Amino acid sequence: MSFQRSILTALLAGLGLVGAAQATELTVDGGWSTFTFGDVGSTWNDTFTFTLTSAAELRVTDAFLSGDKFMVFVNGSRFDRTTNPRSLGDYTASYDEAFSDKRWSSGSWLLGAGTYTVTGLVKRSPYGAGGAAIELVSAPVPEPASVALMLAGLGLVGAAARRRQG
Protein backbone atom coordinates (compact mmCIF):
# COMPACT_ATOMS: atom_id res chain seq x y z
CA MET A 1 0.00 0.00 0.00
CA SER A 2 1.44 3.38 -0.95
CA PHE A 3 2.01 6.16 1.54
CA GLN A 4 -0.93 8.16 0.10
CA ARG A 5 -3.25 5.16 0.38
CA SER A 6 -2.16 4.60 3.98
CA ILE A 7 -2.90 8.21 4.85
CA LEU A 8 -6.30 8.11 3.11
CA THR A 9 -7.27 4.86 4.85
CA ALA A 10 -6.17 6.23 8.22
CA LEU A 11 -8.11 9.45 7.62
CA LEU A 12 -11.29 7.56 6.64
CA ALA A 13 -10.93 5.25 9.66
CA GLY A 14 -10.45 8.24 11.93
CA LEU A 15 -13.65 9.77 10.60
CA GLY A 16 -15.47 6.50 11.19
CA LEU A 17 -15.92 5.99 7.44
CA VAL A 18 -14.00 2.71 7.22
CA GLY A 19 -15.03 -0.18 9.40
CA ALA A 20 -16.82 -3.48 9.52
CA ALA A 21 -19.60 -4.18 7.03
CA GLN A 22 -23.06 -3.23 8.18
CA ALA A 23 -26.63 -3.30 6.90
CA THR A 24 -28.43 -0.01 6.22
CA GLU A 25 -32.15 0.38 5.49
CA LEU A 26 -32.85 2.85 2.67
CA THR A 27 -36.06 4.85 2.41
CA VAL A 28 -37.44 6.57 -0.67
CA ASP A 29 -36.53 10.27 -0.69
CA GLY A 30 -34.51 9.75 2.50
CA GLY A 31 -31.38 11.35 1.05
CA TRP A 32 -27.93 9.96 0.41
CA SER A 33 -26.55 7.13 2.55
CA THR A 34 -22.79 6.97 2.56
CA PHE A 35 -20.52 3.96 2.27
CA THR A 36 -16.78 3.48 2.12
CA PHE A 37 -14.66 0.99 0.24
CA GLY A 38 -11.11 -0.23 -0.13
CA ASP A 39 -9.00 -1.09 -3.14
CA VAL A 40 -10.06 -2.72 -6.42
CA GLY A 41 -11.90 -5.99 -5.82
CA SER A 42 -13.15 -5.04 -2.36
CA THR A 43 -16.82 -4.80 -1.49
CA TRP A 44 -18.60 -1.75 -0.08
CA ASN A 45 -18.58 -1.60 3.70
CA ASP A 46 -22.40 -1.49 3.71
CA THR A 47 -25.25 -3.63 2.43
CA PHE A 48 -28.39 -1.64 1.63
CA THR A 49 -31.89 -3.09 2.01
CA PHE A 50 -35.33 -1.70 1.20
CA THR A 51 -38.84 -2.64 0.13
CA LEU A 52 -40.63 -0.64 -2.56
CA THR A 53 -44.42 -0.51 -2.90
CA SER A 54 -44.07 1.40 -6.19
CA ALA A 55 -41.28 2.22 -8.61
CA ALA A 56 -38.28 4.25 -7.42
CA GLU A 57 -34.96 5.32 -8.87
CA LEU A 58 -31.81 3.82 -7.32
CA ARG A 59 -28.80 6.18 -7.54
CA VAL A 60 -25.14 5.51 -6.77
CA THR A 61 -22.36 8.08 -6.99
CA ASP A 62 -18.71 8.38 -6.19
CA ALA A 63 -17.65 11.57 -4.38
CA PHE A 64 -14.64 13.26 -2.83
CA LEU A 65 -11.74 12.45 -5.22
CA SER A 66 -12.97 11.48 -8.70
CA GLY A 67 -11.73 8.30 -10.34
CA ASP A 68 -13.53 5.38 -8.64
CA LYS A 69 -15.99 3.02 -10.38
CA PHE A 70 -18.36 0.33 -9.04
CA MET A 71 -20.20 -2.83 -9.99
CA VAL A 72 -23.67 -2.87 -8.42
CA PHE A 73 -25.33 -6.10 -7.27
CA VAL A 74 -29.08 -6.39 -6.62
CA ASN A 75 -30.39 -9.37 -4.64
CA GLY A 76 -27.06 -11.12 -5.04
CA SER A 77 -26.91 -10.86 -8.84
CA ARG A 78 -24.67 -8.62 -10.90
CA PHE A 79 -26.88 -5.73 -11.93
CA ASP A 80 -24.90 -2.95 -13.65
CA ARG A 81 -21.85 -0.70 -13.46
CA THR A 82 -21.55 2.96 -12.71
CA THR A 83 -20.26 5.19 -15.49
CA ASN A 84 -16.62 5.74 -16.32
CA PRO A 85 -15.36 8.83 -14.48
CA ARG A 86 -14.19 11.61 -16.79
CA SER A 87 -11.41 12.85 -14.53
CA LEU A 88 -9.01 11.79 -11.83
CA GLY A 89 -8.45 13.72 -8.64
CA ASP A 90 -11.15 16.42 -8.82
CA TYR A 91 -12.74 17.01 -5.42
CA THR A 92 -16.30 17.48 -4.14
CA ALA A 93 -17.99 16.51 -0.89
CA SER A 94 -21.45 17.07 -2.42
CA TYR A 95 -23.14 13.87 -3.55
CA ASP A 96 -25.69 15.82 -5.59
CA GLU A 97 -22.88 17.66 -7.41
CA ALA A 98 -20.95 14.44 -8.02
CA PHE A 99 -24.06 12.62 -9.28
CA SER A 100 -24.79 15.33 -11.87
CA ASP A 101 -21.15 15.80 -12.96
CA LYS A 102 -19.59 13.35 -15.43
CA ARG A 103 -16.20 13.73 -13.76
CA TRP A 104 -17.47 11.34 -11.07
CA SER A 105 -18.72 7.80 -11.68
CA SER A 106 -22.45 7.35 -11.09
CA GLY A 107 -25.43 5.23 -12.05
CA SER A 108 -29.21 5.48 -11.97
CA TRP A 109 -31.71 2.65 -12.39
CA LEU A 110 -35.49 2.37 -12.13
CA LEU A 111 -36.66 -0.44 -9.84
CA GLY A 112 -40.22 -1.74 -9.54
CA ALA A 113 -42.11 -2.76 -6.43
CA GLY A 114 -40.34 -5.47 -4.44
CA THR A 115 -37.78 -6.21 -1.73
CA TYR A 116 -34.15 -5.47 -2.52
CA THR A 117 -30.66 -5.92 -1.15
CA VAL A 118 -27.97 -3.83 -2.87
CA THR A 119 -24.22 -4.38 -2.54
CA GLY A 120 -21.25 -3.23 -4.56
CA LEU A 121 -17.79 -4.16 -5.71
CA VAL A 122 -14.96 -1.73 -6.44
CA LYS A 123 -13.92 -1.94 -10.11
CA ARG A 124 -11.56 1.05 -10.07
CA SER A 125 -9.92 2.77 -7.09
CA PRO A 126 -6.89 4.91 -7.89
CA TYR A 127 -6.46 5.83 -4.21
CA GLY A 128 -6.99 2.40 -2.62
CA ALA A 129 -9.96 3.58 -0.53
CA GLY A 130 -12.71 6.15 -0.67
CA GLY A 131 -16.25 7.22 0.02
CA ALA A 132 -19.42 7.23 -2.06
CA ALA A 133 -23.19 7.25 -1.59
CA ILE A 134 -26.47 5.60 -2.56
CA GLU A 135 -30.06 6.86 -2.45
CA LEU A 136 -33.63 6.05 -3.50
CA VAL A 137 -35.69 8.76 -5.21
CA SER A 138 -39.39 8.72 -6.04
CA ALA A 139 -40.00 7.75 -9.65
CA PRO A 140 -41.69 10.51 -11.61
CA VAL A 141 -45.43 9.97 -11.89
CA PRO A 142 -46.98 11.08 -15.20
CA GLU A 143 -49.15 14.14 -14.84
CA PRO A 144 -52.86 13.60 -15.58
CA ALA A 145 -52.64 16.03 -18.52
CA SER A 146 -49.75 14.02 -20.01
CA VAL A 147 -51.69 10.77 -19.67
CA ALA A 148 -54.74 12.37 -21.32
CA LEU A 149 -52.64 13.63 -24.24
CA MET A 150 -51.05 10.21 -24.66
CA LEU A 151 -54.46 8.49 -24.69
CA ALA A 152 -55.79 11.03 -27.20
CA GLY A 153 -52.77 10.40 -29.44
CA LEU A 154 -53.26 6.63 -29.25
CA GLY A 155 -56.96 7.13 -30.11
CA LEU A 156 -56.01 9.13 -33.22
CA VAL A 157 -53.54 6.45 -34.29
CA GLY A 158 -56.22 3.79 -33.83
CA ALA A 159 -58.76 5.83 -35.81
CA ALA A 160 -56.29 6.34 -38.65
CA ALA A 161 -55.54 2.60 -38.74
CA ARG A 162 -59.26 1.76 -38.96
CA ARG A 163 -59.72 4.28 -41.73
CA ARG A 164 -57.01 2.63 -43.82
CA GLN A 165 -58.60 -0.80 -43.34
CA GLY A 166 -62.07 0.43 -44.20
C-alpha atoms as a PDB file:
ATOM      1  CA  MET A   1       0.000   0.000   0.000  1.00  0.00           C
ATOM      2  CA  SER A   2       1.443   3.383  -0.951  1.00  0.00           C
ATOM      3  CA  PHE A   3       2.010   6.164   1.545  1.00  0.00           C
ATOM      4  CA  GLN A   4      -0.926   8.163   0.102  1.00  0.00           C
ATOM      5  CA  ARG A   5      -3.249   5.164   0.379  1.00  0.00           C
ATOM      6  CA  SER A   6      -2.161   4.597   3.981  1.00  0.00           C
ATOM      7  CA  ILE A   7      -2.897   8.209   4.851  1.00  0.00           C
ATOM      8  CA  LEU A   8      -6.304   8.109   3.110  1.00  0.00           C
ATOM      9  CA  THR A   9      -7.272   4.863   4.850  1.00  0.00           C
ATOM     10  CA  ALA A  10      -6.172   6.229   8.222  1.00  0.00           C
ATOM     11  CA  LEU A  11      -8.114   9.450   7.623  1.00  0.00           C
ATOM     12  CA  LEU A  12     -11.288   7.557   6.639  1.00  0.00           C
ATOM     13  CA  ALA A  13     -10.926   5.248   9.659  1.00  0.00           C
ATOM     14  CA  GLY A  14     -10.451   8.242  11.932  1.00  0.00           C
ATOM     15  CA  LEU A  15     -13.651   9.772  10.602  1.00  0.00           C
ATOM     16  CA  GLY A  16     -15.474   6.497  11.190  1.00  0.00           C
ATOM     17  CA  LEU A  17     -15.919   5.991   7.443  1.00  0.00           C
ATOM     18  CA  VAL A  18     -14.001   2.715   7.222  1.00  0.00           C
ATOM     19  CA  GLY A  19     -15.033  -0.175   9.397  1.00  0.00           C
ATOM     20  CA  ALA A  20     -16.821  -3.477   9.516  1.00  0.00           C
ATOM     21  CA  ALA A  21     -19.596  -4.179   7.026  1.00  0.00           C
ATOM     22  CA  GLN A  22     -23.056  -3.230   8.179  1.00  0.00           C
ATOM     23  CA  ALA A  23     -26.634  -3.296   6.899  1.00  0.00           C
ATOM     24  CA  THR A  24     -28.425  -0.010   6.222  1.00  0.00           C
ATOM     25  CA  GLU A  25     -32.147   0.380   5.489  1.00  0.00           C
ATOM     26  CA  LEU A  26     -32.847   2.854   2.673  1.00  0.00           C
ATOM     27  CA  THR A  27     -36.065   4.851   2.409  1.00  0.00           C
ATOM     28  CA  VAL A  28     -37.442   6.568  -0.671  1.00  0.00           C
ATOM     29  CA  ASP A  29     -36.528  10.266  -0.695  1.00  0.00           C
ATOM     30  CA  GLY A  30     -34.506   9.747   2.500  1.00  0.00           C
ATOM     31  CA  GLY A  31     -31.377  11.354   1.048  1.00  0.00           C
ATOM     32  CA  TRP A  32     -27.928   9.964   0.408  1.00  0.00           C
ATOM     33  CA  SER A  33     -26.555   7.125   2.551  1.00  0.00           C
ATOM     34  CA  THR A  34     -22.786   6.967   2.559  1.00  0.00           C
ATOM     35  CA  PHE A  35     -20.519   3.964   2.265  1.00  0.00           C
ATOM     36  CA  THR A  36     -16.783   3.479   2.121  1.00  0.00           C
ATOM     37  CA  PHE A  37     -14.664   0.988   0.240  1.00  0.00           C
ATOM     38  CA  GLY A  38     -11.112  -0.234  -0.130  1.00  0.00           C
ATOM     39  CA  ASP A  39      -9.003  -1.091  -3.137  1.00  0.00           C
ATOM     40  CA  VAL A  40     -10.059  -2.718  -6.420  1.00  0.00           C
ATOM     41  CA  GLY A  41     -11.903  -5.986  -5.817  1.00  0.00           C
ATOM     42  CA  SER A  42     -13.149  -5.045  -2.360  1.00  0.00           C
ATOM     43  CA  THR A  43     -16.824  -4.797  -1.494  1.00  0.00           C
ATOM     44  CA  TRP A  44     -18.597  -1.751  -0.083  1.00  0.00           C
ATOM     45  CA  ASN A  45     -18.577  -1.602   3.699  1.00  0.00           C
ATOM     46  CA  ASP A  46     -22.405  -1.491   3.707  1.00  0.00           C
ATOM     47  CA  THR A  47     -25.254  -3.625   2.425  1.00  0.00           C
ATOM     48  CA  PHE A  48     -28.389  -1.639   1.628  1.00  0.00           C
ATOM     49  CA  THR A  49     -31.891  -3.092   2.007  1.00  0.00           C
ATOM     50  CA  PHE A  50     -35.328  -1.703   1.198  1.00  0.00           C
ATOM     51  CA  THR A  51     -38.836  -2.638   0.128  1.00  0.00           C
ATOM     52  CA  LEU A  52     -40.629  -0.636  -2.557  1.00  0.00           C
ATOM     53  CA  THR A  53     -44.416  -0.511  -2.898  1.00  0.00           C
ATOM     54  CA  SER A  54     -44.068   1.396  -6.186  1.00  0.00           C
ATOM     55  CA  ALA A  55     -41.283   2.223  -8.613  1.00  0.00           C
ATOM     56  CA  ALA A  56     -38.285   4.252  -7.423  1.00  0.00           C
ATOM     57  CA  GLU A  57     -34.956   5.325  -8.866  1.00  0.00           C
ATOM     58  CA  LEU A  58     -31.813   3.825  -7.321  1.00  0.00           C
ATOM     59  CA  ARG A  59     -28.804   6.176  -7.544  1.00  0.00           C
ATOM     60  CA  VAL A  60     -25.145   5.505  -6.774  1.00  0.00           C
ATOM     61  CA  THR A  61     -22.363   8.084  -6.992  1.00  0.00           C
ATOM     62  CA  ASP A  62     -18.705   8.384  -6.194  1.00  0.00           C
ATOM     63  CA  ALA A  63     -17.652  11.571  -4.380  1.00  0.00           C
ATOM     64  CA  PHE A  64     -14.640  13.263  -2.834  1.00  0.00           C
ATOM     65  CA  LEU A  65     -11.742  12.451  -5.225  1.00  0.00           C
ATOM     66  CA  SER A  66     -12.969  11.481  -8.698  1.00  0.00           C
ATOM     67  CA  GLY A  67     -11.727   8.295 -10.337  1.00  0.00           C
ATOM     68  CA  ASP A  68     -13.528   5.381  -8.645  1.00  0.00           C
ATOM     69  CA  LYS A  69     -15.992   3.024 -10.383  1.00  0.00           C
ATOM     70  CA  PHE A  70     -18.358   0.334  -9.044  1.00  0.00           C
ATOM     71  CA  MET A  71     -20.199  -2.834  -9.991  1.00  0.00           C
ATOM     72  CA  VAL A  72     -23.674  -2.869  -8.418  1.00  0.00           C
ATOM     73  CA  PHE A  73     -25.331  -6.102  -7.270  1.00  0.00           C
ATOM     74  CA  VAL A  74     -29.076  -6.390  -6.619  1.00  0.00           C
ATOM     75  CA  ASN A  75     -30.394  -9.366  -4.641  1.00  0.00           C
ATOM     76  CA  GLY A  76     -27.061 -11.125  -5.040  1.00  0.00           C
ATOM     77  CA  SER A  77     -26.911 -10.856  -8.841  1.00  0.00           C
ATOM     78  CA  ARG A  78     -24.674  -8.621 -10.902  1.00  0.00           C
ATOM     79  CA  PHE A  79     -26.884  -5.727 -11.926  1.00  0.00           C
ATOM     80  CA  ASP A  80     -24.904  -2.953 -13.649  1.00  0.00           C
ATOM     81  CA  ARG A  81     -21.846  -0.702 -13.457  1.00  0.00           C
ATOM     82  CA  THR A  82     -21.548   2.959 -12.707  1.00  0.00           C
ATOM     83  CA  THR A  83     -20.264   5.195 -15.494  1.00  0.00           C
ATOM     84  CA  ASN A  84     -16.617   5.739 -16.323  1.00  0.00           C
ATOM     85  CA  PRO A  85     -15.360   8.827 -14.476  1.00  0.00           C
ATOM     86  CA  ARG A  86     -14.192  11.606 -16.793  1.00  0.00           C
ATOM     87  CA  SER A  87     -11.405  12.849 -14.529  1.00  0.00           C
ATOM     88  CA  LEU A  88      -9.013  11.790 -11.834  1.00  0.00           C
ATOM     89  CA  GLY A  89      -8.452  13.720  -8.638  1.00  0.00           C
ATOM     90  CA  ASP A  90     -11.147  16.419  -8.822  1.00  0.00           C
ATOM     91  CA  TYR A  91     -12.740  17.010  -5.420  1.00  0.00           C
ATOM     92  CA  THR A  92     -16.301  17.475  -4.143  1.00  0.00           C
ATOM     93  CA  ALA A  93     -17.987  16.513  -0.888  1.00  0.00           C
ATOM     94  CA  SER A  94     -21.447  17.072  -2.418  1.00  0.00           C
ATOM     95  CA  TYR A  95     -23.143  13.866  -3.552  1.00  0.00           C
ATOM     96  CA  ASP A  96     -25.692  15.823  -5.594  1.00  0.00           C
ATOM     97  CA  GLU A  97     -22.885  17.656  -7.407  1.00  0.00           C
ATOM     98  CA  ALA A  98     -20.946  14.443  -8.024  1.00  0.00           C
ATOM     99  CA  PHE A  99     -24.061  12.619  -9.280  1.00  0.00           C
ATOM    100  CA  SER A 100     -24.787  15.328 -11.868  1.00  0.00           C
ATOM    101  CA  ASP A 101     -21.151  15.798 -12.957  1.00  0.00           C
ATOM    102  CA  LYS A 102     -19.591  13.350 -15.429  1.00  0.00           C
ATOM    103  CA  ARG A 103     -16.196  13.735 -13.757  1.00  0.00           C
ATOM    104  CA  TRP A 104     -17.470  11.336 -11.074  1.00  0.00           C
ATOM    105  CA  SER A 105     -18.720   7.805 -11.677  1.00  0.00           C
ATOM    106  CA  SER A 106     -22.452   7.353 -11.086  1.00  0.00           C
ATOM    107  CA  GLY A 107     -25.433   5.234 -12.052  1.00  0.00           C
ATOM    108  CA  SER A 108     -29.214   5.480 -11.973  1.00  0.00           C
ATOM    109  CA  TRP A 109     -31.714   2.647 -12.387  1.00  0.00           C
ATOM    110  CA  LEU A 110     -35.492   2.373 -12.132  1.00  0.00           C
ATOM    111  CA  LEU A 111     -36.657  -0.444  -9.842  1.00  0.00           C
ATOM    112  CA  GLY A 112     -40.215  -1.742  -9.541  1.00  0.00           C
ATOM    113  CA  ALA A 113     -42.115  -2.764  -6.431  1.00  0.00           C
ATOM    114  CA  GLY A 114     -40.339  -5.472  -4.440  1.00  0.00           C
ATOM    115  CA  THR A 115     -37.785  -6.207  -1.734  1.00  0.00           C
ATOM    116  CA  TYR A 116     -34.147  -5.472  -2.524  1.00  0.00           C
ATOM    117  CA  THR A 117     -30.662  -5.915  -1.149  1.00  0.00           C
ATOM    118  CA  VAL A 118     -27.969  -3.831  -2.866  1.00  0.00           C
ATOM    119  CA  THR A 119     -24.224  -4.375  -2.536  1.00  0.00           C
ATOM    120  CA  GLY A 120     -21.255  -3.234  -4.560  1.00  0.00           C
ATOM    121  CA  LEU A 121     -17.786  -4.164  -5.715  1.00  0.00           C
ATOM    122  CA  VAL A 122     -14.962  -1.733  -6.436  1.00  0.00           C
ATOM    123  CA  LYS A 123     -13.921  -1.938 -10.110  1.00  0.00           C
ATOM    124  CA  ARG A 124     -11.565   1.050 -10.069  1.00  0.00           C
ATOM    125  CA  SER A 125      -9.923   2.772  -7.091  1.00  0.00           C
ATOM    126  CA  PRO A 126      -6.889   4.915  -7.888  1.00  0.00           C
ATOM    127  CA  TYR A 127      -6.459   5.828  -4.208  1.00  0.00           C
ATOM    128  CA  GLY A 128      -6.995   2.398  -2.618  1.00  0.00           C
ATOM    129  CA  ALA A 129      -9.960   3.582  -0.532  1.00  0.00           C
ATOM    130  CA  GLY A 130     -12.715   6.146  -0.674  1.00  0.00           C
ATOM    131  CA  GLY A 131     -16.249   7.219   0.016  1.00  0.00           C
ATOM    132  CA  ALA A 132     -19.417   7.227  -2.064  1.00  0.00           C
ATOM    133  CA  ALA A 133     -23.192   7.255  -1.588  1.00  0.00           C
ATOM    134  CA  ILE A 134     -26.467   5.605  -2.558  1.00  0.00           C
ATOM    135  CA  GLU A 135     -30.065   6.865  -2.454  1.00  0.00           C
ATOM    136  CA  LEU A 136     -33.626   6.054  -3.504  1.00  0.00           C
ATOM    137  CA  VAL A 137     -35.685   8.763  -5.211  1.00  0.00           C
ATOM    138  CA  SER A 138     -39.394   8.718  -6.040  1.00  0.00           C
ATOM    139  CA  ALA A 139     -40.003   7.751  -9.645  1.00  0.00           C
ATOM    140  CA  PRO A 140     -41.691  10.509 -11.614  1.00  0.00           C
ATOM    141  CA  VAL A 141     -45.433   9.966 -11.891  1.00  0.00           C
ATOM    142  CA  PRO A 142     -46.979  11.076 -15.196  1.00  0.00           C
ATOM    143  CA  GLU A 143     -49.148  14.144 -14.836  1.00  0.00           C
ATOM    144  CA  PRO A 144     -52.858  13.597 -15.583  1.00  0.00           C
ATOM    145  CA  ALA A 145     -52.638  16.027 -18.524  1.00  0.00           C
ATOM    146  CA  SER A 146     -49.747  14.016 -20.012  1.00  0.00           C
ATOM    147  CA  VAL A 147     -51.689  10.774 -19.673  1.00  0.00           C
ATOM    148  CA  ALA A 148     -54.743  12.369 -21.316  1.00  0.00           C
ATOM    149  CA  LEU A 149     -52.641  13.630 -24.241  1.00  0.00           C
ATOM    150  CA  MET A 150     -51.054  10.207 -24.655  1.00  0.00           C
ATOM    151  CA  LEU A 151     -54.456   8.487 -24.694  1.00  0.00           C
ATOM    152  CA  ALA A 152     -55.792  11.028 -27.195  1.00  0.00           C
ATOM    153  CA  GLY A 153     -52.773  10.401 -29.437  1.00  0.00           C
ATOM    154  CA  LEU A 154     -53.262   6.633 -29.253  1.00  0.00           C
ATOM    155  CA  GLY A 155     -56.959   7.133 -30.112  1.00  0.00           C
ATOM    156  CA  LEU A 156     -56.010   9.128 -33.220  1.00  0.00           C
ATOM    157  CA  VAL A 157     -53.541   6.451 -34.294  1.00  0.00           C
ATOM    158  CA  GLY A 158     -56.217   3.789 -33.835  1.00  0.00           C
ATOM    159  CA  ALA A 159     -58.760   5.831 -35.806  1.00  0.00           C
ATOM    160  CA  ALA A 160     -56.290   6.340 -38.652  1.00  0.00           C
ATOM    161  CA  ALA A 161     -55.537   2.605 -38.739  1.00  0.00           C
ATOM    162  CA  ARG A 162     -59.259   1.762 -38.965  1.00  0.00           C
ATOM    163  CA  ARG A 163     -59.717   4.279 -41.733  1.00  0.00           C
ATOM    164  CA  ARG A 164     -57.006   2.628 -43.816  1.00  0.00           C
ATOM    165  CA  GLN A 165     -58.597  -0.798 -43.342  1.00  0.00           C
ATOM    166  CA  GLY A 166     -62.067   0.433 -44.201  1.00  0.00           C
END
